[in-house]
């Protein structure tokens, strides 16, 4: 989807943080990290972001086990995606995110960040 068709919001749900990225032309760039304040408040914050930034599509990462099994975290992400679709009226696609956190950690370490300083940044990458 190009910029002329609207922006894409990508979310990486963690237990305490939500990593946020937004499309800019043909690339997704980290937008920041939302410290979770509960589902209702998080949904309202994201709904406002969707309106303010002209988002037309949302992508939510689903943490699927390496075996392909869906655990509680995947069920939580799928439920959050359904609630977000209802709150925004936008299509919300689910994306298998196996390996994405490890790739983000590796990229941050390659730029000189240690595990402690990278902790909050991983969700934004």
PDB file of N, CA and C in Angstrom:
ATOM      1  N   UNK A   1       0.840  -1.169   0.000  1.00  0.00           N
ATOM      2  CA  UNK A   1       0.000   0.000   0.000  1.00  0.00           C
ATOM      3  C   UNK A   1       0.885   1.231   0.000  1.00  0.00           C
ATOM      4  N   UNK A   2       0.704   2.145  -0.913  1.00  0.00           N
ATOM      5  CA  UNK A   2       1.505   3.347  -0.998  1.00  0.00           C
ATOM      6  C   UNK A   2       0.969   4.448  -0.108  1.00  0.00           C
ATOM      7  N   UNK A   3       1.749   5.495   0.035  1.00  0.00           N
ATOM      8  CA  UNK A   3       1.360   6.593   0.913  1.00  0.00           C
ATOM      9  C   UNK A   3       0.092   7.275   0.427  1.00  0.00           C
ATOM     10  N   UNK A   4      -0.159   7.286  -0.895  1.00  0.00           N
ATOM     11  CA  UNK A   4      -1.345   7.939  -1.422  1.00  0.00           C
ATOM     12  C   UNK A   4      -2.617   7.221  -1.002  1.00  0.00           C
ATOM     13  N   UNK A   5      -2.506   5.970  -0.596  1.00  0.00           N
ATOM     14  CA  UNK A   5      -3.669   5.197  -0.180  1.00  0.00           C
ATOM     15  C   UNK A   5      -3.857   5.223   1.331  1.00  0.00           C
ATOM     16  N   UNK A   6      -2.994   5.857   2.063  1.00  0.00           N
ATOM     17  CA  UNK A   6      -3.087   5.907   3.517  1.00  0.00           C
ATOM     18  C   UNK A   6      -1.889   5.237   4.155  1.00  0.00           C
ATOM     19  N   UNK A   7      -1.836   5.356   5.451  1.00  0.00           N
ATOM     20  CA  UNK A   7      -0.696   4.812   6.188  1.00  0.00           C
ATOM     21  C   UNK A   7      -1.073   3.518   6.883  1.00  0.00           C
ATOM     22  N   UNK A   8      -0.051   2.713   7.116  1.00  0.00           N
ATOM     23  CA  UNK A   8      -0.222   1.445   7.818  1.00  0.00           C
ATOM     24  C   UNK A   8       0.381   1.588   9.210  1.00  0.00           C
ATOM     25  N   UNK A   9      -0.370   1.156  10.208  1.00  0.00           N
ATOM     26  CA  UNK A   9       0.083   1.132  11.590  1.00  0.00           C
ATOM     27  C   UNK A   9       0.412  -0.308  11.942  1.00  0.00           C
ATOM     28  N   UNK A  10       1.638  -0.557  12.403  1.00  0.00           N
ATOM     29  CA  UNK A  10       2.056  -1.905  12.802  1.00  0.00           C
ATOM     30  C   UNK A  10       2.278  -1.922  14.309  1.00  0.00           C
ATOM     31  N   UNK A  11       1.745  -2.964  14.958  1.00  0.00           N
ATOM     32  CA  UNK A  11       1.823  -3.067  16.412  1.00  0.00           C
ATOM     33  C   UNK A  11       2.475  -4.368  16.834  1.00  0.00           C
ATOM     34  N   UNK A  12       3.345  -4.268  17.837  1.00  0.00           N
ATOM     35  CA  UNK A  12       3.976  -5.432  18.456  1.00  0.00           C
ATOM     36  C   UNK A  12       3.549  -5.421  19.919  1.00  0.00           C
ATOM     37  N   UNK A  13       2.610  -6.296  20.267  1.00  0.00           N
ATOM     38  CA  UNK A  13       2.045  -6.310  21.613  1.00  0.00           C
ATOM     39  C   UNK A  13       2.936  -7.068  22.579  1.00  0.00           C
ATOM     40  N   UNK A  14       3.297  -6.410  23.653  1.00  0.00           N
ATOM     41  CA  UNK A  14       4.007  -7.071  24.734  1.00  0.00           C
ATOM     42  C   UNK A  14       3.119  -7.076  25.965  1.00  0.00           C
ATOM     43  N   UNK A  15       3.578  -7.667  27.039  1.00  0.00           N
ATOM     44  CA  UNK A  15       2.756  -7.712  28.248  1.00  0.00           C
ATOM     45  C   UNK A  15       2.659  -6.341  28.921  1.00  0.00           C
ATOM     46  N   UNK A  16       3.677  -5.495  28.743  1.00  0.00           N
ATOM     47  CA  UNK A  16       3.678  -4.170  29.362  1.00  0.00           C
ATOM     48  C   UNK A  16       3.813  -3.022  28.374  1.00  0.00           C
ATOM     49  N   UNK A  17       4.195  -3.328  27.151  1.00  0.00           N
ATOM     50  CA  UNK A  17       4.428  -2.287  26.144  1.00  0.00           C
ATOM     51  C   UNK A  17       3.851  -2.708  24.805  1.00  0.00           C
ATOM     52  N   UNK A  18       3.527  -1.702  23.996  1.00  0.00           N
ATOM     53  CA  UNK A  18       3.097  -1.947  22.625  1.00  0.00           C
ATOM     54  C   UNK A  18       4.055  -1.173  21.727  1.00  0.00           C
ATOM     55  N   UNK A  19       4.807  -1.895  20.905  1.00  0.00           N
ATOM     56  CA  UNK A  19       5.692  -1.254  19.944  1.00  0.00           C
ATOM     57  C   UNK A  19       4.868  -0.747  18.775  1.00  0.00           C
ATOM     58  N   UNK A  20       5.163   0.468  18.334  1.00  0.00           N
ATOM     59  CA  UNK A  20       4.383   1.114  17.283  1.00  0.00           C
ATOM     60  C   UNK A  20       5.300   1.516  16.138  1.00  0.00           C
ATOM     61  N   UNK A  21       4.896   1.150  14.922  1.00  0.00           N
ATOM     62  CA  UNK A  21       5.593   1.598  13.712  1.00  0.00           C
ATOM     63  C   UNK A  21       4.536   2.112  12.743  1.00  0.00           C
ATOM     64  N   UNK A  22       4.917   3.102  11.948  1.00  0.00           N
ATOM     65  CA  UNK A  22       4.025   3.668  10.938  1.00  0.00           C
ATOM     66  C   UNK A  22       4.714   3.650   9.588  1.00  0.00           C
ATOM     67  N   UNK A  23       3.920   3.420   8.557  1.00  0.00           N
ATOM     68  CA  UNK A  23       4.494   3.442   7.214  1.00  0.00           C
ATOM     69  C   UNK A  23       4.758   4.886   6.796  1.00  0.00           C
ATOM     70  N   UNK A  24       5.867   5.062   6.115  1.00  0.00           N
ATOM     71  CA  UNK A  24       6.252   6.334   5.510  1.00  0.00           C
ATOM     72  C   UNK A  24       6.664   5.970   4.094  1.00  0.00           C
ATOM     73  N   UNK A  25       5.866   6.345   3.125  1.00  0.00           N
ATOM     74  CA  UNK A  25       6.058   5.908   1.748  1.00  0.00           C
ATOM     75  C   UNK A  25       6.067   4.380   1.717  1.00  0.00           C
ATOM     76  N   UNK A  26       7.178   3.766   1.360  1.00  0.00           N
ATOM     77  CA  UNK A  26       7.209   2.306   1.236  1.00  0.00           C
ATOM     78  C   UNK A  26       7.968   1.612   2.357  1.00  0.00           C
ATOM     79  N   UNK A  27       8.222   2.314   3.458  1.00  0.00           N
ATOM     80  CA  UNK A  27       8.982   1.719   4.556  1.00  0.00           C
ATOM     81  C   UNK A  27       8.250   1.974   5.878  1.00  0.00           C
ATOM     82  N   UNK A  28       8.377   1.037   6.805  1.00  0.00           N
ATOM     83  CA  UNK A  28       7.822   1.217   8.150  1.00  0.00           C
ATOM     84  C   UNK A  28       8.933   1.685   9.074  1.00  0.00           C
ATOM     85  N   UNK A  29       8.660   2.735   9.818  1.00  0.00           N
ATOM     86  CA  UNK A  29       9.646   3.282  10.747  1.00  0.00           C
ATOM     87  C   UNK A  29       9.101   3.246  12.166  1.00  0.00           C
ATOM     88  N   UNK A  30       9.971   2.983  13.143  1.00  0.00           N
ATOM     89  CA  UNK A  30       9.513   2.970  14.535  1.00  0.00           C
ATOM     90  C   UNK A  30       8.915   4.318  14.915  1.00  0.00           C
ATOM     91  N   UNK A  31       7.785   4.283  15.545  1.00  0.00           N
ATOM     92  CA  UNK A  31       7.102   5.499  15.985  1.00  0.00           C
ATOM     93  C   UNK A  31       7.239   5.685  17.495  1.00  0.00           C
ATOM     94  N   UNK A  32       7.499   4.596  18.197  1.00  0.00           N
ATOM     95  CA  UNK A  32       7.655   4.684  19.639  1.00  0.00           C
ATOM     96  C   UNK A  32       7.074   3.475  20.334  1.00  0.00           C
ATOM     97  N   UNK A  33       6.995   3.584  21.641  1.00  0.00           N
ATOM     98  CA  UNK A  33       6.477   2.501  22.472  1.00  0.00           C
ATOM     99  C   UNK A  33       5.396   3.071  23.373  1.00  0.00           C
ATOM    100  N   UNK A  34       4.267   2.402  23.405  1.00  0.00           N
ATOM    101  CA  UNK A  34       3.167   2.777  24.281  1.00  0.00           C
ATOM    102  C   UNK A  34       3.241   1.910  25.531  1.00  0.00           C
ATOM    103  N   UNK A  35       3.401   2.543  26.687  1.00  0.00           N
ATOM    104  CA  UNK A  35       3.363   1.804  27.948  1.00  0.00           C
ATOM    105  C   UNK A  35       1.906   1.448  28.197  1.00  0.00           C
ATOM    106  N   UNK A  36       1.613   0.173  28.296  1.00  0.00           N
ATOM    107  CA  UNK A  36       0.232  -0.278  28.427  1.00  0.00           C
ATOM    108  C   UNK A  36      -0.403   0.230  29.715  1.00  0.00           C
ATOM    109  N   UNK A  37      -1.638   0.753  29.571  1.00  0.00           N
ATOM    110  CA  UNK A  37      -2.407   1.229  30.721  1.00  0.00           C
ATOM    111  C   UNK A  37      -3.737   0.492  30.815  1.00  0.00           C
ATOM    112  N   UNK A  38      -3.797  -0.680  30.210  1.00  0.00           N
ATOM    113  CA  UNK A  38      -5.038  -1.450  30.196  1.00  0.00           C
ATOM    114  C   UNK A  38      -5.669  -1.400  28.815  1.00  0.00           C
ATOM    115  N   UNK A  39      -6.407  -2.433  28.475  1.00  0.00           N
ATOM    116  CA  UNK A  39      -6.925  -2.577  27.118  1.00  0.00           C
ATOM    117  C   UNK A  39      -7.777  -1.397  26.681  1.00  0.00           C
ATOM    118  N   UNK A  40      -8.703  -0.951  27.508  1.00  0.00           N
ATOM    119  CA  UNK A  40      -9.606   0.132  27.113  1.00  0.00           C
ATOM    120  C   UNK A  40      -8.820   1.404  26.810  1.00  0.00           C
ATOM    121  N   UNK A  41      -7.899   1.777  27.689  1.00  0.00           N
ATOM    122  CA  UNK A  41      -7.102   2.992  27.471  1.00  0.00           C
ATOM    123  C   UNK A  41      -6.162   2.830  26.278  1.00  0.00           C
ATOM    124  N   UNK A  42      -5.573   1.650  26.127  1.00  0.00           N
ATOM    125  CA  UNK A  42      -4.680   1.410  24.988  1.00  0.00           C
ATOM    126  C   UNK A  42      -5.441   1.523  23.672  1.00  0.00           C
ATOM    127  N   UNK A  43      -6.640   0.942  23.618  1.00  0.00           N
ATOM    128  CA  UNK A  43      -7.448   1.017  22.396  1.00  0.00           C
ATOM    129  C   UNK A  43      -7.810   2.460  22.068  1.00  0.00           C
ATOM    130  N   UNK A  44      -8.146   3.249  23.070  1.00  0.00           N
ATOM    131  CA  UNK A  44      -8.491   4.648  22.836  1.00  0.00           C
ATOM    132  C   UNK A  44      -7.272   5.432  22.354  1.00  0.00           C
ATOM    133  N   UNK A  45      -6.114   5.195  22.947  1.00  0.00           N
ATOM    134  CA  UNK A  45      -4.887   5.865  22.507  1.00  0.00           C
ATOM    135  C   UNK A  45      -4.583   5.518  21.054  1.00  0.00           C
ATOM    136  N   UNK A  46      -4.700   4.245  20.707  1.00  0.00           N
ATOM    137  CA  UNK A  46      -4.420   3.819  19.333  1.00  0.00           C
ATOM    138  C   UNK A  46      -5.475   4.336  18.364  1.00  0.00           C
ATOM    139  N   UNK A  47      -6.736   4.406  18.793  1.00  0.00           N
ATOM    140  CA  UNK A  47      -7.788   4.957  17.935  1.00  0.00           C
ATOM    141  C   UNK A  47      -7.476   6.414  17.598  1.00  0.00           C
ATOM    142  N   UNK A  48      -7.049   7.184  18.590  1.00  0.00           N
ATOM    143  CA  UNK A  48      -6.681   8.585  18.341  1.00  0.00           C
ATOM    144  C   UNK A  48      -5.496   8.678  17.386  1.00  0.00           C
ATOM    145  N   UNK A  49      -4.501   7.808  17.570  1.00  0.00           N
ATOM    146  CA  UNK A  49      -3.335   7.795  16.687  1.00  0.00           C
ATOM    147  C   UNK A  49      -3.752   7.506  15.247  1.00  0.00           C
ATOM    148  N   UNK A  50      -4.660   6.558  15.070  1.00  0.00           N
ATOM    149  CA  UNK A  50      -5.163   6.208  13.738  1.00  0.00           C
ATOM    150  C   UNK A  50      -5.769   7.436  13.065  1.00  0.00           C
ATOM    151  N   UNK A  51      -6.583   8.177  13.794  1.00  0.00           N
ATOM    152  CA  UNK A  51      -7.238   9.364  13.239  1.00  0.00           C
ATOM    153  C   UNK A  51      -6.212  10.454  12.944  1.00  0.00           C
ATOM    154  N   UNK A  52      -5.335  10.739  13.906  1.00  0.00           N
ATOM    155  CA  UNK A  52      -4.354  11.821  13.761  1.00  0.00           C
ATOM    156  C   UNK A  52      -3.369  11.577  12.629  1.00  0.00           C
ATOM    157  N   UNK A  53      -2.994  10.332  12.391  1.00  0.00           N
ATOM    158  CA  UNK A  53      -1.959  10.025  11.408  1.00  0.00           C
ATOM    159  C   UNK A  53      -2.503   9.536  10.067  1.00  0.00           C
ATOM    160  N   UNK A  54      -3.800   9.506   9.888  1.00  0.00           N
ATOM    161  CA  UNK A  54      -4.366   9.093   8.603  1.00  0.00           C
ATOM    162  C   UNK A  54      -4.145   7.624   8.285  1.00  0.00           C
ATOM    163  N   UNK A  55      -4.211   6.788   9.301  1.00  0.00           N
ATOM    164  CA  UNK A  55      -4.003   5.343   9.126  1.00  0.00           C
ATOM    165  C   UNK A  55      -5.230   4.731   8.460  1.00  0.00           C
ATOM    166  N   UNK A  56      -4.989   3.851   7.479  1.00  0.00           N
ATOM    167  CA  UNK A  56      -6.088   3.163   6.797  1.00  0.00           C
ATOM    168  C   UNK A  56      -6.033   1.650   6.964  1.00  0.00           C
ATOM    169  N   UNK A  57      -4.957   1.160   7.562  1.00  0.00           N
ATOM    170  CA  UNK A  57      -4.819  -0.279   7.776  1.00  0.00           C
ATOM    171  C   UNK A  57      -3.925  -0.510   8.987  1.00  0.00           C
ATOM    172  N   UNK A  58      -4.221  -1.586   9.735  1.00  0.00           N
ATOM    173  CA  UNK A  58      -3.443  -1.921  10.926  1.00  0.00           C
ATOM    174  C   UNK A  58      -2.940  -3.350  10.799  1.00  0.00           C
ATOM    175  N   UNK A  59      -1.719  -3.573  11.273  1.00  0.00           N
ATOM    176  CA  UNK A  59      -1.120  -4.907  11.302  1.00  0.00           C
ATOM    177  C   UNK A  59      -0.711  -5.184  12.748  1.00  0.00           C
ATOM    178  N   UNK A  60      -1.099  -6.350  13.256  1.00  0.00           N
ATOM    179  CA  UNK A  60      -0.745  -6.756  14.619  1.00  0.00           C
ATOM    180  C   UNK A  60       0.080  -8.032  14.546  1.00  0.00           C
ATOM    181  N   UNK A  61       1.236  -8.017  15.182  1.00  0.00           N
ATOM    182  CA  UNK A  61       2.079  -9.209  15.238  1.00  0.00           C
ATOM    183  C   UNK A  61       1.500 -10.236  16.196  1.00  0.00           C
ATOM    184  N   UNK A  62       1.530 -11.497  15.774  1.00  0.00           N
ATOM    185  CA  UNK A  62       1.027 -12.595  16.604  1.00  0.00           C
ATOM    186  C   UNK A  62       2.203 -13.490  16.975  1.00  0.00           C
ATOM    187  N   UNK A  63       2.486 -13.622  18.280  1.00  0.00           N
ATOM    188  CA  UNK A  63       3.606 -14.457  18.718  1.00  0.00           C
ATOM    189  C   UNK A  63       3.244 -15.943  18.699  1.00  0.00           C
ATOM    190  N   UNK A  64       3.574 -16.588  17.608  1.00  0.00           N
ATOM    191  CA  UNK A  64       3.295 -18.013  17.438  1.00  0.00           C
ATOM    192  C   UNK A  64       4.548 -18.788  17.843  1.00  0.00           C
ATOM    193  N   UNK A  65       4.364 -19.894  18.565  1.00  0.00           N
ATOM    194  CA  UNK A  65       5.500 -20.725  18.973  1.00  0.00           C
ATOM    195  C   UNK A  65       6.213 -21.271  17.732  1.00  0.00           C
ATOM    196  N   UNK A  66       7.494 -21.570  17.880  1.00  0.00           N
ATOM    197  CA  UNK A  66       8.272 -22.091  16.756  1.00  0.00           C
ATOM    198  C   UNK A  66       7.646 -23.357  16.182  1.00  0.00           C
ATOM    199  N   UNK A  67       6.938 -24.112  16.991  1.00  0.00           N
ATOM    200  CA  UNK A  67       6.269 -25.335  16.529  1.00  0.00           C
ATOM    201  C   UNK A  67       5.025 -25.025  15.708  1.00  0.00           C
ATOM    202  N   UNK A  68       4.601 -23.755  15.717  1.00  0.00           N
ATOM    203  CA  UNK A  68       3.379 -23.368  15.025  1.00  0.00           C
ATOM    204  C   UNK A  68       2.172 -23.305  15.947  1.00  0.00           C
ATOM    205  N   UNK A  69       2.354 -23.720  17.185  1.00  0.00           N
ATOM    206  CA  UNK A  69       1.253 -23.704  18.156  1.00  0.00           C
ATOM    207  C   UNK A  69       0.982 -22.277  18.617  1.00  0.00           C
ATOM    208  N   UNK A  70      -0.299 -21.974  18.784  1.00  0.00           N
ATOM    209  CA  UNK A  70      -0.709 -20.670  19.288  1.00  0.00           C
ATOM    210  C   UNK A  70      -0.933 -20.774  20.796  1.00  0.00           C
ATOM    211  N   UNK A  71      -0.232 -19.948  21.548  1.00  0.00           N
ATOM    212  CA  UNK A  71      -0.364 -19.950  23.000  1.00  0.00           C
ATOM    213  C   UNK A  71      -1.248 -18.810  23.471  1.00  0.00           C
ATOM    214  N   UNK A  72      -1.182 -18.534  24.768  1.00  0.00           N
ATOM    215  CA  UNK A  72      -2.004 -17.477  25.364  1.00  0.00           C
ATOM    216  C   UNK A  72      -1.676 -16.099  24.800  1.00  0.00           C
ATOM    217  N   UNK A  73      -0.393 -15.845  24.526  1.00  0.00           N
ATOM    218  CA  UNK A  73      -0.006 -14.545  23.976  1.00  0.00           C
ATOM    219  C   UNK A  73      -0.613 -14.341  22.595  1.00  0.00           C
ATOM    220  N   UNK A  74      -0.643 -15.400  21.782  1.00  0.00           N
ATOM    221  CA  UNK A  74      -1.244 -15.303  20.452  1.00  0.00           C
ATOM    222  C   UNK A  74      -2.741 -15.051  20.566  1.00  0.00           C
ATOM    223  N   UNK A  75      -3.394 -15.750  21.478  1.00  0.00           N
ATOM    224  CA  UNK A  75      -4.830 -15.534  21.685  1.00  0.00           C
ATOM    225  C   UNK A  75      -5.098 -14.102  22.139  1.00  0.00           C
ATOM    226  N   UNK A  76      -4.235 -13.585  23.001  1.00  0.00           N
ATOM    227  CA  UNK A  76      -4.378 -12.204  23.468  1.00  0.00           C
ATOM    228  C   UNK A  76      -4.225 -11.219  22.309  1.00  0.00           C
ATOM    229  N   UNK A  77      -3.225 -11.443  21.461  1.00  0.00           N
ATOM    230  CA  UNK A  77      -3.005 -10.566  20.308  1.00  0.00           C
ATOM    231  C   UNK A  77      -4.189 -10.618  19.349  1.00  0.00           C
ATOM    232  N   UNK A  78      -4.719 -11.810  19.113  1.00  0.00           N
ATOM    233  CA  UNK A  78      -5.865 -11.955  18.209  1.00  0.00           C
ATOM    234  C   UNK A  78      -7.095 -11.244  18.769  1.00  0.00           C
ATOM    235  N   UNK A  79      -7.321 -11.355  20.084  1.00  0.00           N
ATOM    236  CA  UNK A  79      -8.440 -10.655  20.716  1.00  0.00           C
ATOM    237  C   UNK A  79      -8.264  -9.148  20.663  1.00  0.00           C
ATOM    238  N   UNK A  80      -7.035  -8.689  20.899  1.00  0.00           N
ATOM    239  CA  UNK A  80      -6.745  -7.260  20.832  1.00  0.00           C
ATOM    240  C   UNK A  80      -6.993  -6.750  19.418  1.00  0.00           C
ATOM    241  N   UNK A  81      -6.577  -7.523  18.420  1.00  0.00           N
ATOM    242  CA  UNK A  81      -6.784  -7.128  17.024  1.00  0.00           C
ATOM    243  C   UNK A  81      -8.274  -6.994  16.715  1.00  0.00           C
ATOM    244  N   UNK A  82      -9.084  -7.930  17.189  1.00  0.00           N
ATOM    245  CA  UNK A  82     -10.539  -7.845  16.973  1.00  0.00           C
ATOM    246  C   UNK A  82     -11.104  -6.584  17.629  1.00  0.00           C
ATOM    247  N   UNK A  83     -10.678  -6.318  18.864  1.00  0.00           N
ATOM    248  CA  UNK A  83     -11.157  -5.130  19.572  1.00  0.00           C
ATOM    249  C   UNK A  83     -10.706  -3.848  18.876  1.00  0.00           C
ATOM    250  N   UNK A  84      -9.481  -3.846  18.363  1.00  0.00           N
ATOM    251  CA  UNK A  84      -8.965  -2.666  17.671  1.00  0.00           C
ATOM    252  C   UNK A  84      -9.716  -2.429  16.365  1.00  0.00           C
ATOM    253  N   UNK A  85     -10.035  -3.495  15.649  1.00  0.00           N
ATOM    254  CA  UNK A  85     -10.821  -3.361  14.417  1.00  0.00           C
ATOM    255  C   UNK A  85     -12.180  -2.740  14.730  1.00  0.00           C
ATOM    256  N   UNK A  86     -12.780  -3.172  15.809  1.00  0.00           N
ATOM    257  CA  UNK A  86     -14.079  -2.626  16.210  1.00  0.00           C
ATOM    258  C   UNK A  86     -13.954  -1.162  16.632  1.00  0.00           C
ATOM    259  N   UNK A  87     -12.894  -0.831  17.372  1.00  0.00           N
ATOM    260  CA  UNK A  87     -12.701   0.534  17.867  1.00  0.00           C
ATOM    261  C   UNK A  87     -12.389   1.522  16.751  1.00  0.00           C
ATOM    262  N   UNK A  88     -11.696   1.055  15.703  1.00  0.00           N
ATOM    263  CA  UNK A  88     -11.255   1.963  14.638  1.00  0.00           C
ATOM    264  C   UNK A  88     -12.079   1.863  13.361  1.00  0.00           C
ATOM    265  N   UNK A  89     -12.759   0.736  13.177  1.00  0.00           N
ATOM    266  CA  UNK A  89     -13.476   0.516  11.921  1.00  0.00           C
ATOM    267  C   UNK A  89     -12.548   0.190  10.765  1.00  0.00           C
ATOM    268  N   UNK A  90     -11.302  -0.139  11.072  1.00  0.00           N
ATOM    269  CA  UNK A  90     -10.311  -0.438  10.039  1.00  0.00           C
ATOM    270  C   UNK A  90     -10.035  -1.933   9.969  1.00  0.00           C
ATOM    271  N   UNK A  91      -9.549  -2.388   8.798  1.00  0.00           N
ATOM    272  CA  UNK A  91      -9.103  -3.781   8.725  1.00  0.00           C
ATOM    273  C   UNK A  91      -7.838  -3.955   9.561  1.00  0.00           C
ATOM    274  N   UNK A  92      -7.776  -5.047  10.302  1.00  0.00           N
ATOM    275  CA  UNK A  92      -6.602  -5.361  11.116  1.00  0.00           C
ATOM    276  C   UNK A  92      -6.117  -6.735  10.693  1.00  0.00           C
ATOM    277  N   UNK A  93      -4.917  -6.779  10.125  1.00  0.00           N
ATOM    278  CA  UNK A  93      -4.323  -8.037   9.679  1.00  0.00           C
ATOM    279  C   UNK A  93      -3.405  -8.581  10.762  1.00  0.00           C
ATOM    280  N   UNK A  94      -3.355  -9.896  10.862  1.00  0.00           N
ATOM    281  CA  UNK A  94      -2.471 -10.571  11.806  1.00  0.00           C
ATOM    282  C   UNK A  94      -1.249 -11.091  11.065  1.00  0.00           C
ATOM    283  N   UNK A  95      -0.061 -10.913  11.659  1.00  0.00           N
ATOM    284  CA  UNK A  95       1.187 -11.328  11.035  1.00  0.00           C
ATOM    285  C   UNK A  95       1.982 -12.193  12.014  1.00  0.00           C
ATOM    286  N   UNK A  96       2.440 -13.336  11.549  1.00  0.00           N
ATOM    287  CA  UNK A  96       3.279 -14.235  12.341  1.00  0.00           C
ATOM    288  C   UNK A  96       4.583 -13.508  12.654  1.00  0.00           C
ATOM    289  N   UNK A  97       4.874 -13.351  13.933  1.00  0.00           N
ATOM    290  CA  UNK A  97       6.079 -12.599  14.299  1.00  0.00           C
ATOM    291  C   UNK A  97       7.182 -13.464  14.899  1.00  0.00           C
ATOM    292  N   UNK A  98       7.179 -14.744  14.579  1.00  0.00           N
ATOM    293  CA  UNK A  98       8.295 -15.571  15.049  1.00  0.00           C
ATOM    294  C   UNK A  98       9.592 -14.940  14.568  1.00  0.00           C
ATOM    295  N   UNK A  99      10.545 -14.802  15.427  1.00  0.00           N
ATOM    296  CA  UNK A  99      11.885 -14.273  15.159  1.00  0.00           C
ATOM    297  C   UNK A  99      11.980 -12.755  15.151  1.00  0.00           C
ATOM    298  N   UNK A 100      10.891 -11.999  15.092  1.00  0.00           N
ATOM    299  CA  UNK A 100      11.039 -10.553  14.931  1.00  0.00           C
ATOM    300  C   UNK A 100      11.720  -9.885  16.121  1.00  0.00           C
ATOM    301  N   UNK A 101      11.416 -10.294  17.359  1.00  0.00           N
ATOM    302  CA  UNK A 101      12.078  -9.683  18.520  1.00  0.00           C
ATOM    303  C   UNK A 101      13.561 -10.014  18.531  1.00  0.00           C
ATOM    304  N   UNK A 102      13.904 -11.239  18.178  1.00  0.00           N
ATOM    305  CA  UNK A 102      15.327 -11.607  18.124  1.00  0.00           C
ATOM    306  C   UNK A 102      16.054 -10.794  17.053  1.00  0.00           C
ATOM    307  N   UNK A 103      15.399 -10.588  15.908  1.00  0.00           N
ATOM    308  CA  UNK A 103      16.016  -9.781  14.850  1.00  0.00           C
ATOM    309  C   UNK A 103      16.205  -8.347  15.322  1.00  0.00           C
ATOM    310  N   UNK A 104      15.217  -7.795  16.036  1.00  0.00           N
ATOM    311  CA  UNK A 104      15.328  -6.429  16.546  1.00  0.00           C
ATOM    312  C   UNK A 104      16.458  -6.327  17.567  1.00  0.00           C
ATOM    313  N   UNK A 105      16.553  -7.298  18.478  1.00  0.00           N
ATOM    314  CA  UNK A 105      17.644  -7.296  19.462  1.00  0.00           C
ATOM    315  C   UNK A 105      18.998  -7.359  18.773  1.00  0.00           C
ATOM    316  N   UNK A 106      19.109  -8.203  17.770  1.00  0.00           N
ATOM    317  CA  UNK A 106      20.368  -8.345  17.036  1.00  0.00           C
ATOM    318  C   UNK A 106      20.729  -7.024  16.345  1.00  0.00           C
ATOM    319  N   UNK A 107      19.744  -6.366  15.747  1.00  0.00           N
ATOM    320  CA  UNK A 107      20.001  -5.097  15.065  1.00  0.00           C
ATOM    321  C   UNK A 107      20.435  -4.021  16.057  1.00  0.00           C
ATOM    322  N   UNK A 108      19.790  -3.971  17.223  1.00  0.00           N
ATOM    323  CA  UNK A 108      20.167  -2.977  18.227  1.00  0.00           C
ATOM    324  C   UNK A 108      21.559  -3.239  18.780  1.00  0.00           C
ATOM    325  N   UNK A 109      21.881  -4.495  19.018  1.00  0.00           N
ATOM    326  CA  UNK A 109      23.230  -4.823  19.517  1.00  0.00           C
ATOM    327  C   UNK A 109      24.287  -4.454  18.479  1.00  0.00           C
ATOM    328  N   UNK A 110      23.949  -4.620  17.206  1.00  0.00           N
ATOM    329  CA  UNK A 110      24.888  -4.282  16.134  1.00  0.00           C
ATOM    330  C   UNK A 110      25.166  -2.782  16.099  1.00  0.00           C
ATOM    331  N   UNK A 111      24.244  -1.982  16.655  1.00  0.00           N
ATOM    332  CA  UNK A 111      24.448  -0.537  16.695  1.00  0.00           C
ATOM    333  C   UNK A 111      24.975  -0.066  18.047  1.00  0.00           C
ATOM    334  N   UNK A 112      25.431  -1.031  18.887  1.00  0.00           N
ATOM    335  CA  UNK A 112      26.089  -0.672  20.130  1.00  0.00           C
ATOM    336  C   UNK A 112      25.223  -0.659  21.371  1.00  0.00           C
ATOM    337  N   UNK A 113      23.970  -1.075  21.290  1.00  0.00           N
ATOM    338  CA  UNK A 113      23.101  -1.120  22.471  1.00  0.00           C
ATOM    339  C   UNK A 113      23.273  -2.455  23.186  1.00  0.00           C
ATOM    340  N   UNK A 114      23.379  -2.406  24.515  1.00  0.00           N
ATOM    341  CA  UNK A 114      23.434  -3.658  25.270  1.00  0.00           C
ATOM    342  C   UNK A 114      22.005  -4.117  25.578  1.00  0.00           C
ATOM    343  N   UNK A 115      21.865  -5.290  26.164  1.00  0.00           N
ATOM    344  CA  UNK A 115      20.543  -5.872  26.423  1.00  0.00           C
ATOM    345  C   UNK A 115      19.682  -4.952  27.287  1.00  0.00           C
ATOM    346  N   UNK A 116      20.274  -4.346  28.301  1.00  0.00           N
ATOM    347  CA  UNK A 116      19.495  -3.478  29.195  1.00  0.00           C
ATOM    348  C   UNK A 116      18.995  -2.228  28.470  1.00  0.00           C
ATOM    349  N   UNK A 117      19.863  -1.553  27.715  1.00  0.00           N
ATOM    350  CA  UNK A 117      19.430  -0.333  27.029  1.00  0.00           C
ATOM    351  C   UNK A 117      18.513  -0.650  25.858  1.00  0.00           C
ATOM    352  N   UNK A 118      18.609  -1.864  25.330  1.00  0.00           N
ATOM    353  CA  UNK A 118      17.783  -2.243  24.185  1.00  0.00           C
ATOM    354  C   UNK A 118      16.376  -2.663  24.585  1.00  0.00           C
ATOM    355  N   UNK A 119      16.152  -2.994  25.859  1.00  0.00           N
ATOM    356  CA  UNK A 119      14.880  -3.582  26.297  1.00  0.00           C
ATOM    357  C   UNK A 119      13.665  -2.793  25.806  1.00  0.00           C
ATOM    358  N   UNK A 120      13.603  -1.506  26.059  1.00  0.00           N
ATOM    359  CA  UNK A 120      12.459  -0.706  25.631  1.00  0.00           C
ATOM    360  C   UNK A 120      12.447  -0.426  24.148  1.00  0.00           C
ATOM    361  N   UNK A 121      13.614  -0.449  23.528  1.00  0.00           N
ATOM    362  CA  UNK A 121      13.698  -0.144  22.103  1.00  0.00           C
ATOM    363  C   UNK A 121      13.291  -1.311  21.220  1.00  0.00           C
ATOM    364  N   UNK A 122      13.431  -2.537  21.695  1.00  0.00           N
ATOM    365  CA  UNK A 122      13.105  -3.716  20.882  1.00  0.00           C
ATOM    366  C   UNK A 122      11.667  -3.648  20.410  1.00  0.00           C
ATOM    367  N   UNK A 123      10.750  -3.231  21.287  1.00  0.00           N
ATOM    368  CA  UNK A 123       9.346  -3.170  20.915  1.00  0.00           C
ATOM    369  C   UNK A 123       9.083  -2.127  19.841  1.00  0.00           C
ATOM    370  N   UNK A 124       9.929  -1.112  19.751  1.00  0.00           N
ATOM    371  CA  UNK A 124       9.738  -0.088  18.733  1.00  0.00           C
ATOM    372  C   UNK A 124      10.366  -0.460  17.404  1.00  0.00           C
ATOM    373  N   UNK A 125      11.304  -1.405  17.415  1.00  0.00           N
ATOM    374  CA  UNK A 125      11.971  -1.816  16.182  1.00  0.00           C
ATOM    375  C   UNK A 125      11.151  -2.888  15.560  1.00  0.00           C
TER     376      UNK A 125
END
